[in-house]
Protein backbone atom coordinates (compact mmCIF):
# COMPACT_ATOMS: atom_id res chain seq x y z
CA MET A 1 5.89 30.71 32.34
CA THR A 2 2.90 32.75 30.93
CA ASP A 3 0.66 30.65 32.79
CA ALA A 4 2.27 31.58 36.09
CA LEU A 5 2.13 35.50 35.12
CA PHE A 6 -1.48 35.18 34.59
CA ALA A 7 -2.01 33.37 37.97
CA GLY A 8 -0.22 35.74 39.68
CA LEU A 9 -2.24 38.66 37.80
CA LEU A 10 -5.61 37.04 38.59
CA GLY A 11 -4.69 36.24 42.16
CA ALA A 12 -3.98 39.74 43.00
CA SER A 13 -6.56 41.26 40.65
CA SER A 14 -8.79 41.21 43.59
CA LEU A 15 -6.90 44.04 45.27
CA LEU A 16 -8.63 46.50 42.40
CA LEU A 17 -11.84 44.68 42.80
CA GLY A 18 -11.78 45.38 46.17
CA ALA A 19 -10.20 49.01 46.03
CA LEU A 20 -13.29 50.07 43.54
CA LEU A 21 -15.82 48.43 46.03
CA ALA A 22 -14.41 50.31 48.51
CA MET A 23 -14.83 53.72 46.41
CA VAL A 24 -18.36 53.00 45.36
CA HIS A 25 -19.78 51.75 48.54
CA ARG A 26 -18.98 52.38 52.17
CA VAL A 27 -18.28 49.23 53.91
CA GLN A 28 -18.87 48.99 57.46
CA HIS A 29 -16.04 48.08 59.74
CA ARG A 30 -17.87 44.91 61.09
CA THR A 31 -18.20 43.80 57.46
CA LEU A 32 -14.73 44.29 56.63
CA GLY A 33 -13.42 42.33 59.82
CA LEU A 34 -15.54 39.29 58.94
CA ILE A 35 -14.61 39.36 55.25
CA MET A 36 -10.79 39.60 56.49
CA ALA A 37 -11.53 36.70 58.78
CA PHE A 38 -13.06 34.46 56.25
CA GLY A 39 -10.03 35.40 53.91
CA ALA A 40 -7.50 34.45 56.97
CA GLY A 41 -9.23 31.19 57.17
CA VAL A 42 -8.90 30.50 53.64
CA LEU A 43 -5.29 31.48 53.64
CA ILE A 44 -4.53 29.05 56.76
CA SER A 45 -6.26 26.05 54.99
CA ALA A 46 -4.16 26.80 51.91
CA VAL A 47 -1.14 27.11 54.04
CA ALA A 48 -1.88 23.64 55.52
CA TYR A 49 -2.77 21.48 52.58
CA ASP A 50 -1.52 23.48 49.71
CA LEU A 51 1.82 24.25 50.85
CA VAL A 52 2.87 22.21 53.93
CA ALA A 53 1.29 18.99 53.31
CA ASP A 54 2.39 19.20 49.46
CA ALA A 55 6.10 19.97 50.42
CA VAL A 56 6.24 17.05 52.74
CA GLU A 57 5.98 14.89 49.30
CA PHE A 58 9.00 16.70 47.89
CA ALA A 59 11.25 16.32 50.53
CA ASP A 60 11.62 15.14 54.32
CA GLY A 61 10.15 17.16 57.08
CA ARG A 62 13.56 19.28 57.92
CA SER A 63 13.50 21.31 54.72
CA VAL A 64 9.98 22.37 55.17
CA VAL A 65 10.61 23.25 58.91
CA SER A 66 13.77 24.97 57.98
CA GLY A 67 11.74 27.21 55.46
CA LEU A 68 8.91 27.88 57.96
CA PHE A 69 11.13 29.27 60.54
CA VAL A 70 13.31 31.34 57.40
CA GLY A 71 10.07 32.72 56.31
CA ALA A 72 8.48 33.59 59.43
CA ALA A 73 11.94 35.53 60.22
CA THR A 74 12.04 37.14 57.00
CA PHE A 75 8.50 38.32 57.11
CA PHE A 76 8.99 39.61 60.87
CA VAL A 77 12.12 41.57 60.04
CA GLY A 78 10.54 42.99 56.79
CA ASP A 79 7.40 43.82 58.61
CA LEU A 80 9.09 45.77 61.56
CA LEU A 81 11.22 47.65 59.10
CA ILE A 82 8.18 48.77 57.12
CA VAL A 83 6.18 49.58 60.36
CA ARG A 84 9.10 51.77 61.31
CA ARG A 85 8.59 53.56 58.10
CA GLY A 86 4.89 54.23 58.54
CA GLY A 87 3.30 51.23 57.15
CA GLY A 88 2.02 49.48 60.11
CA GLN A 89 -1.65 50.34 59.54
CA ARG A 90 -2.08 49.25 55.97
CA LYS A 91 -4.57 47.17 56.71
CA SER A 92 -6.67 49.89 58.61
CA ALA A 93 -9.91 50.85 57.63
CA THR A 94 -9.74 54.01 59.81
CA GLY A 95 -7.27 55.54 57.97
CA PRO A 96 -3.56 55.30 57.70
CA GLY A 97 -2.67 58.37 60.03
CA ALA A 98 -0.21 60.95 60.27
CA GLU A 99 2.69 58.58 61.06
CA SER A 100 1.86 56.17 57.84
CA SER A 101 2.77 57.03 54.16
CA ALA A 102 1.22 55.50 51.22
CA GLN A 103 4.75 54.20 49.78
CA ALA A 104 5.30 52.27 53.12
CA ILE A 105 1.57 51.01 53.10
CA VAL A 106 2.20 49.70 49.25
CA LEU A 107 5.42 47.90 50.38
CA GLY A 108 4.02 46.67 53.47
CA THR A 109 1.16 45.02 51.09
CA ILE A 110 3.89 43.97 48.31
CA LEU A 111 5.78 41.87 51.46
CA ASP A 112 2.25 40.32 52.55
CA GLY A 113 1.41 39.23 48.95
CA ILE A 114 5.02 38.18 47.48
CA PRO A 115 4.93 34.60 49.20
CA GLU A 116 1.39 34.18 48.27
CA SER A 117 2.25 34.78 44.63
CA ILE A 118 5.52 32.82 44.39
CA VAL A 119 3.61 29.79 45.77
CA LEU A 120 1.32 30.39 42.58
CA GLY A 121 4.07 29.69 40.33
CA LEU A 122 5.33 26.77 42.26
CA THR A 123 2.39 24.83 42.09
CA ILE A 124 2.29 24.80 38.36
CA LEU A 125 5.70 22.99 38.61
CA SER A 126 4.22 19.97 40.26
CA GLY A 127 2.84 18.73 37.10
CA GLU A 128 -0.44 18.81 38.06
CA GLY A 129 -1.32 22.19 37.23
CA LEU A 130 -2.46 25.10 38.98
CA SER A 131 -3.58 24.77 42.35
CA ILE A 132 -7.26 26.20 42.28
CA ALA A 133 -7.53 26.20 46.07
CA MET A 134 -4.33 28.12 46.62
CA LEU A 135 -5.56 30.74 43.59
CA VAL A 136 -8.90 31.03 45.54
CA ALA A 137 -6.97 31.50 48.87
CA VAL A 138 -4.80 34.14 47.45
CA PHE A 139 -7.79 36.12 45.43
CA LEU A 140 -10.34 36.10 48.77
CA SER A 141 -7.65 37.19 51.13
CA ASN A 142 -6.71 40.01 48.84
CA LEU A 143 -10.13 41.28 48.71
CA PRO A 144 -10.85 42.32 52.05
CA GLU A 145 -7.26 43.72 52.67
CA ALA A 146 -7.81 46.15 49.52
CA MET A 147 -11.15 46.87 50.60
CA SER A 148 -9.82 47.80 54.23
CA SER A 149 -6.68 49.84 52.96
CA THR A 150 -8.68 51.68 50.40
CA ALA A 151 -10.93 52.74 53.05
CA GLY A 152 -8.13 53.78 55.09
CA PHE A 153 -6.75 55.96 51.95
CA ILE A 154 -10.24 57.47 51.52
CA ALA A 155 -10.56 58.43 55.20
CA ALA A 156 -7.14 60.13 54.93
CA GLU A 157 -8.35 61.78 51.97
CA THR A 158 -5.72 60.28 49.41
CA PRO A 159 -6.63 60.80 45.54
CA ARG A 160 -8.61 57.99 44.31
CA LEU A 161 -6.54 57.81 41.20
CA LYS A 162 -3.37 57.70 43.05
CA ILE A 163 -5.22 54.88 45.06
CA LEU A 164 -5.58 52.51 42.05
CA ARG A 165 -2.43 53.17 40.69
CA LEU A 166 -0.87 52.25 43.72
CA TRP A 167 -3.11 49.10 43.80
CA LEU A 168 -2.58 48.42 40.10
CA PHE A 169 1.47 48.47 41.02
CA VAL A 170 1.28 45.72 43.49
CA VAL A 171 -0.79 43.32 40.89
CA LEU A 172 1.94 43.70 38.43
CA VAL A 173 4.40 42.95 41.06
CA SER A 174 2.33 39.82 42.36
CA GLY A 175 2.25 38.79 38.53
CA LEU A 176 5.92 39.22 38.18
CA SER A 177 6.68 37.53 41.51
CA SER A 178 4.56 34.29 40.42
CA MET A 179 6.25 34.34 37.07
CA LEU A 180 9.84 34.40 38.90
CA GLY A 181 8.70 31.60 41.26
CA TYR A 182 8.29 29.16 38.30
CA ALA A 183 11.18 30.59 36.54
CA PHE A 184 13.78 30.35 39.31
CA PHE A 185 12.80 27.06 40.77
CA GLY A 186 11.72 25.00 37.58
CA ASP A 187 14.85 23.16 37.65
CA SER A 188 15.51 22.93 41.50
CA SER A 189 15.95 20.08 43.63
CA PRO A 190 12.75 18.75 45.53
CA GLU A 191 14.53 19.93 48.65
CA THR A 192 14.82 23.47 47.45
CA ILE A 193 11.21 23.40 46.44
CA ALA A 194 10.00 22.12 49.46
CA PHE A 195 12.08 24.92 51.52
CA VAL A 196 10.30 27.58 49.39
CA GLN A 197 7.23 26.44 49.91
CA GLY A 198 8.04 26.25 53.81
CA PHE A 199 9.29 29.50 53.47
CA ALA A 200 6.05 30.76 51.95
CA ALA A 201 3.98 29.11 54.62
CA GLY A 202 6.23 30.50 57.27
CA ALA A 203 5.69 33.93 55.99
CA ILE A 204 2.07 34.04 55.33
CA LEU A 205 1.38 32.43 58.76
CA THR A 206 3.46 35.31 60.30
CA MET A 207 1.42 37.76 58.02
CA LEU A 208 -1.82 36.49 59.36
CA ALA A 209 -0.87 36.50 63.15
CA ASP A 210 0.83 39.84 62.86
CA THR A 211 -1.58 42.08 60.71
CA MET A 212 -4.72 40.40 59.31
CA MET A 213 -6.26 38.38 62.35
CA PRO A 214 -5.92 41.03 64.83
CA GLU A 215 -7.28 43.95 62.44
CA ALA A 216 -10.07 41.15 61.79
CA PHE A 217 -10.62 41.09 65.21
CA GLU A 218 -10.60 44.79 65.79
CA ASN A 219 -13.20 45.63 63.38
CA GLY A 220 -15.37 42.27 63.63
CA GLY A 221 -15.59 41.40 67.08
CA PRO A 222 -15.95 37.66 68.47
CA VAL A 223 -17.83 36.45 65.37
CA VAL A 224 -14.55 36.55 63.52
CA GLY A 225 -13.61 33.10 64.90
CA LEU A 226 -16.73 31.70 62.92
CA ALA A 227 -15.92 33.36 59.91
CA THR A 228 -12.55 32.18 60.04
CA THR A 229 -13.77 28.73 60.36
CA VAL A 230 -15.96 29.16 57.68
CA GLY A 231 -13.33 29.97 55.29
CA PHE A 232 -11.19 27.30 56.38
CA ALA A 233 -13.79 24.69 55.51
CA LEU A 234 -14.45 26.30 52.28
CA ALA A 235 -10.72 26.06 51.21
CA PHE A 236 -10.52 22.62 52.65
CA LEU A 237 -13.30 21.47 50.29
CA ILE A 238 -11.83 22.89 47.25
CA ALA A 239 -8.56 21.30 48.30
CA THR A 240 -10.37 18.09 48.59
CA LEU A 241 -12.34 18.20 45.47
CA GLU A 242 -9.02 19.28 43.56
CA ALA A 243 -7.43 16.32 44.86
CA LYS A 244 -9.57 13.78 43.48
CA PRO A 245 -8.98 11.95 40.27
């Protein structure tokens, strides 16, 4: 359980790192878009090879597909509620805007990160140890998200100490989510674990399509397609090396 907590904290620690980078160095919107696209590619690969493919080994495809749709629907509804509260621009580097609130933006970021953190705990249950590919995917995808959101907070003149406290809170929630994912599903049936992995995959894919990839394209332009492919390829290579005995 301690390993799961540490994995969740480590994966989310890039949120604080990204926030600090954005505070000390003004990153161009184009650069942020490319970094975000790279992180999206990494996550897509992790979803395919560390979630869906692994889940099919636990149970038949019906459990995985059911989890995919339930996860997608859950994220969609949660994201819709958070957008209405003012958290729709949580990945925007141009400033949250008058219609947004720091609380809603943080809640949205937690909604984005909880499925990823739960999966980190679940990968330990496989008996093969923590998935390095999934850990790298979570770490890399969090980095541009924090940089972009922090740049938006700074543009909105949010106090920097408050920004760091907000990200620290998200890191702690992510660590607890990873630990709870390990604790709650440790004795679950293979079908349940496959469903939960499918659920996380559906939620992550919906997050990518709804928030991360549109923001990446808006800031980075057409080149983000290449950056996404590079991220996918890197994560695929890591997963391949990890799978070799």
